């Protein structure tokens, strides 16, 4: 991750890793959310492979919106 040189990515990855280390995945998301997240990852990868920058950005924003919601819930607990 550090090889990316993207400080935002590095920090966000660290937060996510810590969060999932502190909690079991099953307690954080249900199966439907997990499947939706998997599909979002597939879309992101397809956009990157197709070199469609705008669609990749849009797919990342959609995916990260859910993550930020999870982090906000975590902060409230």
Protein backbone atom coordinates (compact mmCIF):
# COMPACT_ATOMS: atom_id res chain seq x y z
CA UNK A 1 0.00 0.00 0.00
CA UNK A 2 2.78 2.43 0.83
CA UNK A 3 4.16 1.85 -2.66
CA UNK A 4 1.21 3.77 -4.11
CA UNK A 5 2.53 7.02 -2.66
CA UNK A 6 -1.12 8.04 -2.19
CA UNK A 7 -1.33 9.29 1.40
CA UNK A 8 -5.14 9.28 1.42
CA UNK A 9 -5.23 5.67 0.24
CA UNK A 10 -2.61 4.66 2.81
CA UNK A 11 -4.48 6.31 5.69
CA UNK A 12 -7.88 4.99 4.63
CA UNK A 13 -6.48 1.48 4.21
CA UNK A 14 -4.98 1.66 7.68
CA UNK A 15 -8.32 2.74 9.18
CA UNK A 16 -10.19 -0.02 7.37
CA UNK A 17 -7.67 -2.67 8.41
CA UNK A 18 -7.82 -1.57 12.03
CA UNK A 19 -11.62 -1.48 11.98
CA UNK A 20 -11.97 -4.98 10.58
CA UNK A 21 -9.30 -6.27 12.96
CA UNK A 22 -11.34 -4.99 15.91
CA UNK A 23 -14.60 -6.50 14.68
CA UNK A 24 -15.69 -9.64 12.96
CA UNK A 25 -16.87 -9.01 9.40
CA UNK A 26 -20.19 -10.73 10.07
CA UNK A 27 -20.99 -8.19 12.78
CA UNK A 28 -20.28 -5.26 10.48
CA UNK A 29 -22.12 -6.17 7.28
CA UNK A 30 -24.76 -8.67 6.34
CA UNK A 31 -24.58 -10.98 3.32
CA UNK A 32 -26.46 -8.58 1.01
CA UNK A 33 -24.04 -5.76 1.84
CA UNK A 34 -21.08 -8.09 1.32
CA UNK A 35 -22.39 -9.16 -2.10
CA UNK A 36 -23.05 -5.52 -3.07
CA UNK A 37 -19.51 -4.59 -2.04
CA UNK A 38 -18.10 -7.47 -4.10
CA UNK A 39 -20.03 -6.26 -7.15
CA UNK A 40 -18.77 -2.72 -6.57
CA UNK A 41 -15.20 -4.05 -6.56
CA UNK A 42 -15.87 -5.90 -9.81
CA UNK A 43 -17.19 -2.71 -11.41
CA UNK A 44 -14.14 -0.73 -10.26
CA UNK A 45 -11.75 -3.33 -11.65
CA UNK A 46 -13.61 -3.48 -14.98
CA UNK A 47 -13.47 0.31 -15.31
CA UNK A 48 -9.75 0.33 -14.58
CA UNK A 49 -9.08 -2.50 -17.05
CA UNK A 50 -11.11 -0.62 -19.68
CA UNK A 51 -9.15 2.56 -18.84
CA UNK A 52 -12.41 4.42 -18.26
CA UNK A 53 -11.20 7.00 -15.77
CA UNK A 54 -14.50 8.79 -15.24
CA UNK A 55 -16.49 5.60 -14.64
CA UNK A 56 -13.73 4.32 -12.33
CA UNK A 57 -13.90 7.54 -10.28
CA UNK A 58 -17.68 7.32 -10.11
CA UNK A 59 -17.54 3.65 -9.07
CA UNK A 60 -14.98 4.45 -6.36
CA UNK A 61 -17.10 7.31 -5.03
CA UNK A 62 -20.12 5.02 -4.85
CA UNK A 63 -18.12 2.32 -3.09
CA UNK A 64 -16.44 4.67 -0.63
CA UNK A 65 -19.74 6.31 0.25
CA UNK A 66 -20.79 3.04 1.89
CA UNK A 67 -17.46 2.79 3.67
CA UNK A 68 -17.72 6.30 5.06
CA UNK A 69 -21.19 5.42 6.35
CA UNK A 70 -19.73 2.40 8.15
CA UNK A 71 -16.99 4.54 9.66
CA UNK A 72 -19.52 7.14 10.79
CA UNK A 73 -21.57 4.40 12.48
CA UNK A 74 -18.40 3.11 14.14
CA UNK A 75 -17.57 6.57 15.50
CA UNK A 76 -21.08 6.89 16.94
CA UNK A 77 -20.72 3.58 18.85
